[in-house]
Each structure stands twice: as C-alpha cells, then as structure tokens.
C-alpha cells in the first residue's frame, strides 16, 4: 500500500513509519522541518516537507495514496481557542482528502473526544473528529488513546523538589495509560484493516497511588504518594510555576475530567485489549529520565 504518515518523526509517527516500511508498504512521512528529511529517508520512507496548515500541499502529497494517517501537531495548548484549532487542522485534512480522492483515513484523536465541553485541549480532537465525519463514502477510523505515559515525566521536578506527586486528580483515582508503541500498533491495524470507526487504545490501568508507588520504587523514593489537590490549588500551582492562565485552565479541565470519570465513559463502554507496554516497563524509562534531570 501507498501510505502517508503525518507527524514527522514524533513519538508515534516514527515507530509507525518504521513498522509500515518493515511490512513492505510504500511510506511517505510529512514533516514541517526540512532537517528531518535525511532521518526520514534513512528509515526507508520518502519525505514530504510542508505544513498541515496548507491544504493544497496536503492534497498534493495525498494524491494516489491508498491510506493516510492524520494527526494534529500537539500544540493545541498554545492556541487561544482549542476548538477552532481542531476545526482548522481537521478541516485542512478533510479538504485534502476530498481533493486527492483518498478512500481510507486513520485519524489520531483522543479519549474523551466525544464530549463537547469540559475537556480542555481535547476539545480540539472533538472538532477534528467532526471535520472527518463530514467526509462521505470514505472510511475514517478515529484512534482514541488514553493518557500518555510520558505525560508523567512532567512530575519529575515536583518529585525532586517536594517529594510528592500532586494534581487535581490523584490518590485512588483510576488512570488509563498508553505507550506510543501500542498506539502505533493500533494505527497499523487500522490502516491495513479499517473496521470499527472508533478504536480506543490503552496499555495499562492503575490507580494514581499505585503509579506513584511503582515510580517511587524505581527512583529511590519508596514512600512516594500522589496527593489530590482541588482545582483551584492546581490552577494556582501552575500559574505560580509560570504557566499562562489560559493554558493552566486547560490542564485543570483535563485533570477534573479524569478525576470525575468523564474521560473514561466511552473507554469503559468499548474497552480494548490492553497493549504490551506496562507500567513497570515505563517506570524504567521514567527512572532513566529522572536520573538524567
């Protein structure tokens, strides 16, 4: 198959491109960074240098593709209007898909994307899904991963300075975590065999306290706990740490949606088979980053 992969050589797109090339597909990787060309070609893929903000560029790249993998650059937190960002990027993709005559699309979305309020940055994914769903007679699969393991790396400075993990979710609240490698596996499956329109992806499930315990053991902090703050405490902490207030409110919304179970509603109704990367596996990566910082 002739497959287009967006997302340059990011956390998901790199292992995805490698896997597709190894399976014998013809792969083109879209990147906005010309300096990535050599690394993309070293994987055995072709490089298409341009921006997903440019629908004409995308339409040209998508022409003659059997399938495309579409993802939004992860900068929605930098946008003043998250839904507008999702509509803009999703609309660019949809326009390019129509013009190029692509028949199969896999879109990286998020759990909670079915919700139209109260999810912070995830509202961008909600709007992007709507843009893709407007495509008629085209196979569209929305990949909805749970919370990324690597988001936990943001707690390293807090652990080092205060000896705790804390957010407006924590303690015995339930977490569903996912690794990029497991998301890449799900995308490969969807590209080759589209099937269900919505696919949730997760690697492991745990409570916040259990996450803290496992990470603490790996980093020499055996008593590490995950405290649960109020929304206001988290907002104040983020702003005091230099996070712009509008961005901080987005993080607080996502945390509250996780704490209150909103993000899990769709996931719990359509639970996937858990992936291969478990919390204990990620803990080793976390500890390596902890020791380097």
C-alpha atoms as a PDB file:
ATOM      1  CA  UNK A   1       0.000   0.000   0.000  1.00  0.00           C
ATOM      2  CA  UNK A   2       0.979   3.606  -0.575  1.00  0.00           C
ATOM      3  CA  UNK A   3       0.576   5.189   2.880  1.00  0.00           C
ATOM      4  CA  UNK A   4       1.064   8.786   4.026  1.00  0.00           C
ATOM      5  CA  UNK A   5       2.165   9.356   7.637  1.00  0.00           C
ATOM      6  CA  UNK A   6       1.863  12.816   9.173  1.00  0.00           C
ATOM      7  CA  UNK A   7       3.520  13.849  12.422  1.00  0.00           C
ATOM      8  CA  UNK A   8       7.134  13.856  11.211  1.00  0.00           C
ATOM      9  CA  UNK A   9       9.280  11.560  13.402  1.00  0.00           C
ATOM     10  CA  UNK A  10       7.371  12.123  16.630  1.00  0.00           C
ATOM     11  CA  UNK A  11       6.616   9.733  19.471  1.00  0.00           C
ATOM     12  CA  UNK A  12       4.032   7.818  17.414  1.00  0.00           C
ATOM     13  CA  UNK A  13       4.900   8.575  13.792  1.00  0.00           C
ATOM     14  CA  UNK A  14       8.464   7.294  13.998  1.00  0.00           C
ATOM     15  CA  UNK A  15       7.628   3.760  15.245  1.00  0.00           C
ATOM     16  CA  UNK A  16       4.622   3.787  12.904  1.00  0.00           C
ATOM     17  CA  UNK A  17       6.739   4.600   9.845  1.00  0.00           C
ATOM     18  CA  UNK A  18       9.346   2.002  10.806  1.00  0.00           C
ATOM     19  CA  UNK A  19       6.713  -0.690  11.194  1.00  0.00           C
ATOM     20  CA  UNK A  20       4.995   0.143   7.902  1.00  0.00           C
ATOM     21  CA  UNK A  21       8.289   0.141   5.987  1.00  0.00           C
ATOM     22  CA  UNK A  22       9.251  -3.205   7.525  1.00  0.00           C
ATOM     23  CA  UNK A  23       5.912  -4.635   6.400  1.00  0.00           C
ATOM     24  CA  UNK A  24       6.681  -3.645   2.818  1.00  0.00           C
ATOM     25  CA  UNK A  25       4.446  -0.610   2.414  1.00  0.00           C
ATOM     26  CA  UNK A  26       5.476   2.458   0.437  1.00  0.00           C
ATOM     27  CA  UNK A  27       5.608   5.206   3.059  1.00  0.00           C
ATOM     28  CA  UNK A  28       5.785   8.987   2.811  1.00  0.00           C
ATOM     29  CA  UNK A  29       6.331  10.944   6.026  1.00  0.00           C
ATOM     30  CA  UNK A  30       5.105  14.545   6.204  1.00  0.00           C
ATOM     31  CA  UNK A  31       7.255  16.948   8.221  1.00  0.00           C
ATOM     32  CA  UNK A  32       7.395  20.714   8.507  1.00  0.00           C
ATOM     33  CA  UNK A  33      11.098  20.533   9.324  1.00  0.00           C
ATOM     34  CA  UNK A  34      13.463  20.229   6.316  1.00  0.00           C
ATOM     35  CA  UNK A  35      16.192  18.984   8.659  1.00  0.00           C
ATOM     36  CA  UNK A  36      14.178  15.786   9.185  1.00  0.00           C
ATOM     37  CA  UNK A  37      14.469  14.755   5.536  1.00  0.00           C
ATOM     38  CA  UNK A  38      17.666  12.730   5.934  1.00  0.00           C
ATOM     39  CA  UNK A  39      16.392  10.890   9.037  1.00  0.00           C
ATOM     40  CA  UNK A  40      13.099  10.077   7.302  1.00  0.00           C
ATOM     41  CA  UNK A  41      14.848   8.724   4.235  1.00  0.00           C
ATOM     42  CA  UNK A  42      17.181   6.678   6.460  1.00  0.00           C
ATOM     43  CA  UNK A  43      14.100   4.753   7.615  1.00  0.00           C
ATOM     44  CA  UNK A  44      13.323   3.775   4.028  1.00  0.00           C
ATOM     45  CA  UNK A  45      10.499   6.293   3.647  1.00  0.00           C
ATOM     46  CA  UNK A  46      10.077   9.341   1.440  1.00  0.00           C
ATOM     47  CA  UNK A  47       9.945  12.819   2.963  1.00  0.00           C
ATOM     48  CA  UNK A  48       7.324  15.432   2.099  1.00  0.00           C
ATOM     49  CA  UNK A  49       8.311  18.774   3.615  1.00  0.00           C
ATOM     50  CA  UNK A  50       5.453  21.167   4.272  1.00  0.00           C
ATOM     51  CA  UNK A  51       2.800  22.249   6.741  1.00  0.00           C
ATOM     52  CA  UNK A  52      -0.521  20.656   7.671  1.00  0.00           C
ATOM     53  CA  UNK A  53      -1.793  24.249   7.742  1.00  0.00           C
ATOM     54  CA  UNK A  54      -1.508  24.126   3.918  1.00  0.00           C
ATOM     55  CA  UNK A  55      -4.407  22.141   2.441  1.00  0.00           C
ATOM     56  CA  UNK A  56      -3.022  22.467  -1.100  1.00  0.00           C
ATOM     57  CA  UNK A  57       0.269  20.912  -0.018  1.00  0.00           C
ATOM     58  CA  UNK A  58      -1.569  18.073   1.729  1.00  0.00           C
ATOM     59  CA  UNK A  59      -3.775  17.396  -1.286  1.00  0.00           C
ATOM     60  CA  UNK A  60      -0.705  17.064  -3.496  1.00  0.00           C
ATOM     61  CA  UNK A  61       1.006  14.680  -1.063  1.00  0.00           C
ATOM     62  CA  UNK A  62      -2.182  12.616  -0.571  1.00  0.00           C
ATOM     63  CA  UNK A  63      -2.759  12.106  -4.315  1.00  0.00           C
ATOM     64  CA  UNK A  64      -2.529   8.395  -5.246  1.00  0.00           C
ATOM     65  CA  UNK A  65      -2.337   7.335  -1.586  1.00  0.00           C
ATOM     66  CA  UNK A  66      -4.161   4.176  -0.570  1.00  0.00           C
ATOM     67  CA  UNK A  67      -4.449   5.398   3.013  1.00  0.00           C
ATOM     68  CA  UNK A  68      -3.401   8.363   5.138  1.00  0.00           C
ATOM     69  CA  UNK A  69      -2.683   8.737   8.844  1.00  0.00           C
ATOM     70  CA  UNK A  70      -3.634  12.210  10.068  1.00  0.00           C
ATOM     71  CA  UNK A  71      -2.649  13.792  13.361  1.00  0.00           C
ATOM     72  CA  UNK A  72      -2.771  17.337  14.692  1.00  0.00           C
ATOM     73  CA  UNK A  73       0.567  18.825  15.739  1.00  0.00           C
ATOM     74  CA  UNK A  74       0.496  18.703  19.566  1.00  0.00           C
ATOM     75  CA  UNK A  75       0.368  22.413  20.093  1.00  0.00           C
ATOM     76  CA  UNK A  76      -3.306  22.918  20.898  1.00  0.00           C
ATOM     77  CA  UNK A  77      -2.281  24.171  24.359  1.00  0.00           C
ATOM     78  CA  UNK A  78      -0.535  27.062  22.604  1.00  0.00           C
ATOM     79  CA  UNK A  79      -3.706  28.059  20.767  1.00  0.00           C
ATOM     80  CA  UNK A  80      -6.071  30.651  22.271  1.00  0.00           C
ATOM     81  CA  UNK A  81      -9.115  28.703  21.015  1.00  0.00           C
ATOM     82  CA  UNK A  82      -8.786  24.881  21.209  1.00  0.00           C
ATOM     83  CA  UNK A  83     -11.973  24.052  19.257  1.00  0.00           C
ATOM     84  CA  UNK A  84     -11.043  26.491  16.496  1.00  0.00           C
ATOM     85  CA  UNK A  85      -7.632  24.843  16.190  1.00  0.00           C
ATOM     86  CA  UNK A  86      -9.252  21.426  15.783  1.00  0.00           C
ATOM     87  CA  UNK A  87     -11.690  22.750  13.193  1.00  0.00           C
ATOM     88  CA  UNK A  88      -8.863  24.381  11.243  1.00  0.00           C
ATOM     89  CA  UNK A  89      -6.483  21.418  11.124  1.00  0.00           C
ATOM     90  CA  UNK A  90      -9.245  18.819  10.782  1.00  0.00           C
ATOM     91  CA  UNK A  91     -10.799  20.919   8.023  1.00  0.00           C
ATOM     92  CA  UNK A  92      -7.478  21.123   6.156  1.00  0.00           C
ATOM     93  CA  UNK A  93      -7.128  17.358   6.294  1.00  0.00           C
ATOM     94  CA  UNK A  94     -10.716  16.769   5.190  1.00  0.00           C
ATOM     95  CA  UNK A  95     -10.340  19.176   2.270  1.00  0.00           C
ATOM     96  CA  UNK A  96      -7.127  17.491   1.147  1.00  0.00           C
ATOM     97  CA  UNK A  97      -8.651  14.009   1.449  1.00  0.00           C
ATOM     98  CA  UNK A  98     -11.591  15.028  -0.754  1.00  0.00           C
ATOM     99  CA  UNK A  99      -9.398  16.671  -3.380  1.00  0.00           C
ATOM    100  CA  UNK A 100      -6.916  13.786  -3.511  1.00  0.00           C
ATOM    101  CA  UNK A 101      -9.603  11.100  -3.643  1.00  0.00           C
ATOM    102  CA  UNK A 102      -8.251   9.167  -0.651  1.00  0.00           C
ATOM    103  CA  UNK A 103     -10.555   6.331   0.405  1.00  0.00           C
ATOM    104  CA  UNK A 104      -9.076   5.324   3.785  1.00  0.00           C
ATOM    105  CA  UNK A 105      -8.196   7.666   6.645  1.00  0.00           C
ATOM    106  CA  UNK A 106      -6.912   6.957  10.152  1.00  0.00           C
ATOM    107  CA  UNK A 107      -7.132   9.938  12.486  1.00  0.00           C
ATOM    108  CA  UNK A 108      -5.304  10.242  15.793  1.00  0.00           C
ATOM    109  CA  UNK A 109      -7.907  11.591  18.195  1.00  0.00           C
ATOM    110  CA  UNK A 110      -8.175  11.197  21.987  1.00  0.00           C
ATOM    111  CA  UNK A 111     -10.325   9.521  24.564  1.00  0.00           C
ATOM    112  CA  UNK A 112     -12.990  11.987  25.616  1.00  0.00           C
ATOM    113  CA  UNK A 113     -13.257  13.329  22.062  1.00  0.00           C
ATOM    114  CA  UNK A 114     -16.969  12.530  22.026  1.00  0.00           C
ATOM    115  CA  UNK A 115     -17.515  15.279  24.642  1.00  0.00           C
ATOM    116  CA  UNK A 116     -18.203  18.860  23.591  1.00  0.00           C
ATOM    117  CA  UNK A 117     -17.253  20.612  26.838  1.00  0.00           C
ATOM    118  CA  UNK A 118     -15.209  20.250  29.997  1.00  0.00           C
ATOM    119  CA  UNK A 119     -12.174  18.534  28.496  1.00  0.00           C
ATOM    120  CA  UNK A 120      -9.698  21.367  27.889  1.00  0.00           C
ATOM    121  CA  UNK A 121      -7.351  20.738  24.978  1.00  0.00           C
ATOM    122  CA  UNK A 122      -9.253  17.578  23.994  1.00  0.00           C
ATOM    123  CA  UNK A 123     -11.939  19.844  22.531  1.00  0.00           C
ATOM    124  CA  UNK A 124      -9.596  20.258  19.555  1.00  0.00           C
ATOM    125  CA  UNK A 125      -9.872  16.500  18.902  1.00  0.00           C
ATOM    126  CA  UNK A 126     -13.661  16.707  19.230  1.00  0.00           C
ATOM    127  CA  UNK A 127     -13.831  19.313  16.482  1.00  0.00           C
ATOM    128  CA  UNK A 128     -11.333  17.476  14.267  1.00  0.00           C
ATOM    129  CA  UNK A 129     -13.425  14.303  14.504  1.00  0.00           C
ATOM    130  CA  UNK A 130     -16.449  16.281  13.321  1.00  0.00           C
ATOM    131  CA  UNK A 131     -14.498  17.529  10.296  1.00  0.00           C
ATOM    132  CA  UNK A 132     -13.528  13.987   9.320  1.00  0.00           C
ATOM    133  CA  UNK A 133     -17.016  12.638   9.981  1.00  0.00           C
ATOM    134  CA  UNK A 134     -18.363  15.048   7.357  1.00  0.00           C
ATOM    135  CA  UNK A 135     -16.474  13.068   4.689  1.00  0.00           C
ATOM    136  CA  UNK A 136     -18.977  10.892   2.838  1.00  0.00           C
ATOM    137  CA  UNK A 137     -18.242   7.460   1.337  1.00  0.00           C
ATOM    138  CA  UNK A 138     -14.770   7.449   2.876  1.00  0.00           C
ATOM    139  CA  UNK A 139     -13.534   5.028   5.526  1.00  0.00           C
ATOM    140  CA  UNK A 140     -12.490   7.012   8.605  1.00  0.00           C
ATOM    141  CA  UNK A 141     -11.124   5.402  11.776  1.00  0.00           C
ATOM    142  CA  UNK A 142     -10.664   7.548  14.873  1.00  0.00           C
ATOM    143  CA  UNK A 143      -7.909   6.261  17.157  1.00  0.00           C
ATOM    144  CA  UNK A 144      -8.675   7.327  20.734  1.00  0.00           C
ATOM    145  CA  UNK A 145      -5.669   6.737  23.007  1.00  0.00           C
ATOM    146  CA  UNK A 146      -5.902   7.133  26.756  1.00  0.00           C
ATOM    147  CA  UNK A 147      -3.443   9.225  28.797  1.00  0.00           C
ATOM    148  CA  UNK A 148       0.137   9.029  27.516  1.00  0.00           C
ATOM    149  CA  UNK A 149       2.700   7.531  29.873  1.00  0.00           C
ATOM    150  CA  UNK A 150       5.185  10.240  29.005  1.00  0.00           C
ATOM    151  CA  UNK A 151       2.886  12.903  30.485  1.00  0.00           C
ATOM    152  CA  UNK A 152       4.036  11.534  33.849  1.00  0.00           C
ATOM    153  CA  UNK A 153       7.516  12.906  33.154  1.00  0.00           C
ATOM    154  CA  UNK A 154       6.188  16.371  33.982  1.00  0.00           C
ATOM    155  CA  UNK A 155       6.037  15.315  37.647  1.00  0.00           C
ATOM    156  CA  UNK A 156       9.823  14.857  37.903  1.00  0.00           C
ATOM    157  CA  UNK A 157      10.593  18.422  39.082  1.00  0.00           C
ATOM    158  CA  UNK A 158       7.859  18.165  41.738  1.00  0.00           C
ATOM    159  CA  UNK A 159       9.148  14.822  42.989  1.00  0.00           C
ATOM    160  CA  UNK A 160      12.676  16.184  43.205  1.00  0.00           C
ATOM    161  CA  UNK A 161      11.707  19.397  44.957  1.00  0.00           C
ATOM    162  CA  UNK A 162       8.771  18.328  47.150  1.00  0.00           C
ATOM    163  CA  UNK A 163       8.966  14.534  47.280  1.00  0.00           C
ATOM    164  CA  UNK A 164       5.384  14.104  46.105  1.00  0.00           C
ATOM    165  CA  UNK A 165       3.210  13.882  43.015  1.00  0.00           C
ATOM    166  CA  UNK A 166       0.128  16.098  43.067  1.00  0.00           C
ATOM    167  CA  UNK A 167      -2.643  17.234  40.726  1.00  0.00           C
ATOM    168  CA  UNK A 168      -6.401  17.786  40.820  1.00  0.00           C
ATOM    169  CA  UNK A 169      -6.699  14.031  40.344  1.00  0.00           C
ATOM    170  CA  UNK A 170      -4.795  11.508  42.420  1.00  0.00           C
ATOM    171  CA  UNK A 171      -4.850   9.052  45.319  1.00  0.00           C
ATOM    172  CA  UNK A 172      -7.229   6.213  44.398  1.00  0.00           C
ATOM    173  CA  UNK A 173      -8.491   7.819  41.185  1.00  0.00           C
ATOM    174  CA  UNK A 174      -8.147   5.429  38.275  1.00  0.00           C
ATOM    175  CA  UNK A 175      -5.712   6.071  35.440  1.00  0.00           C
ATOM    176  CA  UNK A 176      -5.663   4.513  31.992  1.00  0.00           C
ATOM    177  CA  UNK A 177      -2.238   4.866  30.410  1.00  0.00           C
ATOM    178  CA  UNK A 178      -0.861   4.222  26.945  1.00  0.00           C
ATOM    179  CA  UNK A 179       2.519   3.998  25.208  1.00  0.00           C
ATOM    180  CA  UNK A 180       3.235   5.409  21.736  1.00  0.00           C
ATOM    181  CA  UNK A 181       4.386   1.964  20.571  1.00  0.00           C
ATOM    182  CA  UNK A 182       0.970   0.488  21.351  1.00  0.00           C
ATOM    183  CA  UNK A 183      -0.757   3.379  19.581  1.00  0.00           C
ATOM    184  CA  UNK A 184       1.442   2.762  16.525  1.00  0.00           C
ATOM    185  CA  UNK A 185       0.373  -0.902  16.536  1.00  0.00           C
ATOM    186  CA  UNK A 186      -3.291   0.130  16.579  1.00  0.00           C
ATOM    187  CA  UNK A 187      -2.762   2.574  13.712  1.00  0.00           C
ATOM    188  CA  UNK A 188      -1.053  -0.086  11.576  1.00  0.00           C
ATOM    189  CA  UNK A 189      -4.010  -2.401  12.162  1.00  0.00           C
ATOM    190  CA  UNK A 190      -6.488   0.346  11.246  1.00  0.00           C
ATOM    191  CA  UNK A 191      -4.577   1.296   8.090  1.00  0.00           C
ATOM    192  CA  UNK A 192      -4.452  -2.297   6.885  1.00  0.00           C
ATOM    193  CA  UNK A 193      -7.941  -3.355   8.073  1.00  0.00           C
ATOM    194  CA  UNK A 194     -10.135  -0.301   8.781  1.00  0.00           C
ATOM    195  CA  UNK A 195     -13.091  -1.978  10.530  1.00  0.00           C
ATOM    196  CA  UNK A 196     -14.609  -0.151  13.516  1.00  0.00           C
ATOM    197  CA  UNK A 197     -14.880   3.630  13.205  1.00  0.00           C
ATOM    198  CA  UNK A 198     -13.800   4.239  16.820  1.00  0.00           C
ATOM    199  CA  UNK A 199     -10.852   2.395  18.384  1.00  0.00           C
ATOM    200  CA  UNK A 200      -9.685   3.031  21.926  1.00  0.00           C
ATOM    201  CA  UNK A 201      -6.058   2.267  22.764  1.00  0.00           C
ATOM    202  CA  UNK A 202      -4.581   1.634  26.203  1.00  0.00           C
ATOM    203  CA  UNK A 203      -1.573  -0.151  27.629  1.00  0.00           C
ATOM    204  CA  UNK A 204      -2.281  -0.459  31.359  1.00  0.00           C
ATOM    205  CA  UNK A 205      -4.704   0.593  34.095  1.00  0.00           C
ATOM    206  CA  UNK A 206      -3.823   1.634  37.626  1.00  0.00           C
ATOM    207  CA  UNK A 207      -4.664   3.993  40.464  1.00  0.00           C
ATOM    208  CA  UNK A 208      -2.677   7.165  40.940  1.00  0.00           C
ATOM    209  CA  UNK A 209      -1.248   5.859  44.220  1.00  0.00           C
ATOM    210  CA  UNK A 210      -0.105   2.654  42.533  1.00  0.00           C
ATOM    211  CA  UNK A 211       1.573   4.694  39.797  1.00  0.00           C
ATOM    212  CA  UNK A 212       3.389   6.706  42.474  1.00  0.00           C
ATOM    213  CA  UNK A 213       4.436   3.532  44.277  1.00  0.00           C
ATOM    214  CA  UNK A 214       5.884   1.925  41.128  1.00  0.00           C
ATOM    215  CA  UNK A 215       7.667   5.093  40.014  1.00  0.00           C
ATOM    216  CA  UNK A 216       8.932   5.716  43.542  1.00  0.00           C
ATOM    217  CA  UNK A 217      10.461   2.271  43.802  1.00  0.00           C
ATOM    218  CA  UNK A 218      12.319   2.813  40.536  1.00  0.00           C
ATOM    219  CA  UNK A 219      13.643   6.240  41.536  1.00  0.00           C
ATOM    220  CA  UNK A 220      14.661   5.528  45.104  1.00  0.00           C
ATOM    221  CA  UNK A 221      11.555   7.180  46.564  1.00  0.00           C
ATOM    222  CA  UNK A 222       9.758   4.176  48.129  1.00  0.00           C
ATOM    223  CA  UNK A 223       7.319   6.361  50.064  1.00  0.00           C
ATOM    224  CA  UNK A 224       6.206   8.409  47.060  1.00  0.00           C
ATOM    225  CA  UNK A 225       2.492   9.262  47.083  1.00  0.00           C
ATOM    226  CA  UNK A 226       0.146  11.053  44.713  1.00  0.00           C
ATOM    227  CA  UNK A 227      -1.830  13.764  46.504  1.00  0.00           C
ATOM    228  CA  UNK A 228      -5.114  15.128  45.193  1.00  0.00           C
ATOM    229  CA  UNK A 229      -5.417  18.907  45.050  1.00  0.00           C
ATOM    230  CA  UNK A 230      -8.514  20.989  44.448  1.00  0.00           C
ATOM    231  CA  UNK A 231      -8.971  22.552  41.028  1.00  0.00           C
ATOM    232  CA  UNK A 232      -8.004  25.933  42.492  1.00  0.00           C
ATOM    233  CA  UNK A 233      -4.860  24.564  44.113  1.00  0.00           C
ATOM    234  CA  UNK A 234      -3.736  23.064  40.820  1.00  0.00           C
ATOM    235  CA  UNK A 235      -4.543  26.247  38.909  1.00  0.00           C
ATOM    236  CA  UNK A 236      -2.640  28.365  41.417  1.00  0.00           C
ATOM    237  CA  UNK A 237       0.332  25.988  41.342  1.00  0.00           C
ATOM    238  CA  UNK A 238       0.569  26.009  37.563  1.00  0.00           C
ATOM    239  CA  UNK A 239       0.303  29.782  37.322  1.00  0.00           C
ATOM    240  CA  UNK A 240       2.895  30.211  40.088  1.00  0.00           C
ATOM    241  CA  UNK A 241       5.170  27.939  38.045  1.00  0.00           C
ATOM    242  CA  UNK A 242       4.931  30.252  35.048  1.00  0.00           C
ATOM    243  CA  UNK A 243       2.180  28.521  33.035  1.00  0.00           C
ATOM    244  CA  UNK A 244      -0.113  31.074  31.334  1.00  0.00           C
ATOM    245  CA  UNK A 245      -3.530  31.159  32.995  1.00  0.00           C
ATOM    246  CA  UNK A 246      -5.417  30.112  29.850  1.00  0.00           C
ATOM    247  CA  UNK A 247      -3.148  27.091  29.419  1.00  0.00           C
ATOM    248  CA  UNK A 248      -3.339  26.251  33.112  1.00  0.00           C
ATOM    249  CA  UNK A 249      -7.132  26.204  32.939  1.00  0.00           C
ATOM    250  CA  UNK A 250      -6.925  23.703  30.080  1.00  0.00           C
ATOM    251  CA  UNK A 251      -4.798  21.368  32.192  1.00  0.00           C
ATOM    252  CA  UNK A 252      -7.162  21.770  35.135  1.00  0.00           C
ATOM    253  CA  UNK A 253     -10.147  20.857  32.949  1.00  0.00           C
ATOM    254  CA  UNK A 254      -8.472  17.687  31.705  1.00  0.00           C
ATOM    255  CA  UNK A 255      -7.470  16.737  35.241  1.00  0.00           C
ATOM    256  CA  UNK A 256     -11.006  17.260  36.517  1.00  0.00           C
ATOM    257  CA  UNK A 257     -12.436  15.225  33.633  1.00  0.00           C
ATOM    258  CA  UNK A 258     -10.040  12.403  34.517  1.00  0.00           C
ATOM    259  CA  UNK A 259     -10.848  12.600  38.237  1.00  0.00           C
ATOM    260  CA  UNK A 260     -14.609  12.640  37.646  1.00  0.00           C
ATOM    261  CA  UNK A 261     -14.520   9.752  35.180  1.00  0.00           C
ATOM    262  CA  UNK A 262     -15.706  11.740  32.149  1.00  0.00           C
ATOM    263  CA  UNK A 263     -12.757  10.696  30.005  1.00  0.00           C
ATOM    264  CA  UNK A 264     -13.356   7.036  30.799  1.00  0.00           C
ATOM    265  CA  UNK A 265     -17.047   6.836  29.868  1.00  0.00           C
ATOM    266  CA  UNK A 266     -16.555   5.956  26.218  1.00  0.00           C
ATOM    267  CA  UNK A 267     -13.478   3.895  27.002  1.00  0.00           C
ATOM    268  CA  UNK A 268     -15.323   1.801  29.607  1.00  0.00           C
ATOM    269  CA  UNK A 269     -18.073   1.047  27.087  1.00  0.00           C
ATOM    270  CA  UNK A 270     -15.592  -0.038  24.401  1.00  0.00           C
ATOM    271  CA  UNK A 271     -12.601  -1.412  26.288  1.00  0.00           C
ATOM    272  CA  UNK A 272      -9.765  -2.544  24.020  1.00  0.00           C
ATOM    273  CA  UNK A 273      -7.334  -5.362  24.603  1.00  0.00           C
ATOM    274  CA  UNK A 274      -4.521  -3.738  26.569  1.00  0.00           C
ATOM    275  CA  UNK A 275      -1.224  -3.210  24.758  1.00  0.00           C
ATOM    276  CA  UNK A 276       2.160  -4.680  25.518  1.00  0.00           C
ATOM    277  CA  UNK A 277       3.887  -1.780  27.324  1.00  0.00           C
ATOM    278  CA  UNK A 278       3.040  -1.992  31.026  1.00  0.00           C
ATOM    279  CA  UNK A 279       3.504   0.488  33.869  1.00  0.00           C
ATOM    280  CA  UNK A 280       6.562  -1.396  35.097  1.00  0.00           C
ATOM    281  CA  UNK A 281       8.124  -1.051  31.628  1.00  0.00           C
ATOM    282  CA  UNK A 282       7.535   2.684  31.550  1.00  0.00           C
ATOM    283  CA  UNK A 283       8.872   3.027  35.107  1.00  0.00           C
ATOM    284  CA  UNK A 284      12.324   2.048  33.820  1.00  0.00           C
ATOM    285  CA  UNK A 285      12.158   4.828  31.211  1.00  0.00           C
ATOM    286  CA  UNK A 286      10.861   7.253  33.861  1.00  0.00           C
ATOM    287  CA  UNK A 287      13.737   6.425  36.193  1.00  0.00           C
ATOM    288  CA  UNK A 288      16.303   6.978  33.438  1.00  0.00           C
ATOM    289  CA  UNK A 289      14.849  10.423  32.729  1.00  0.00           C
ATOM    290  CA  UNK A 290      14.628  11.159  36.460  1.00  0.00           C
ATOM    291  CA  UNK A 291      18.304  10.354  36.939  1.00  0.00           C
ATOM    292  CA  UNK A 292      19.334  12.492  33.970  1.00  0.00           C
ATOM    293  CA  UNK A 293      17.418  15.578  35.069  1.00  0.00           C
END
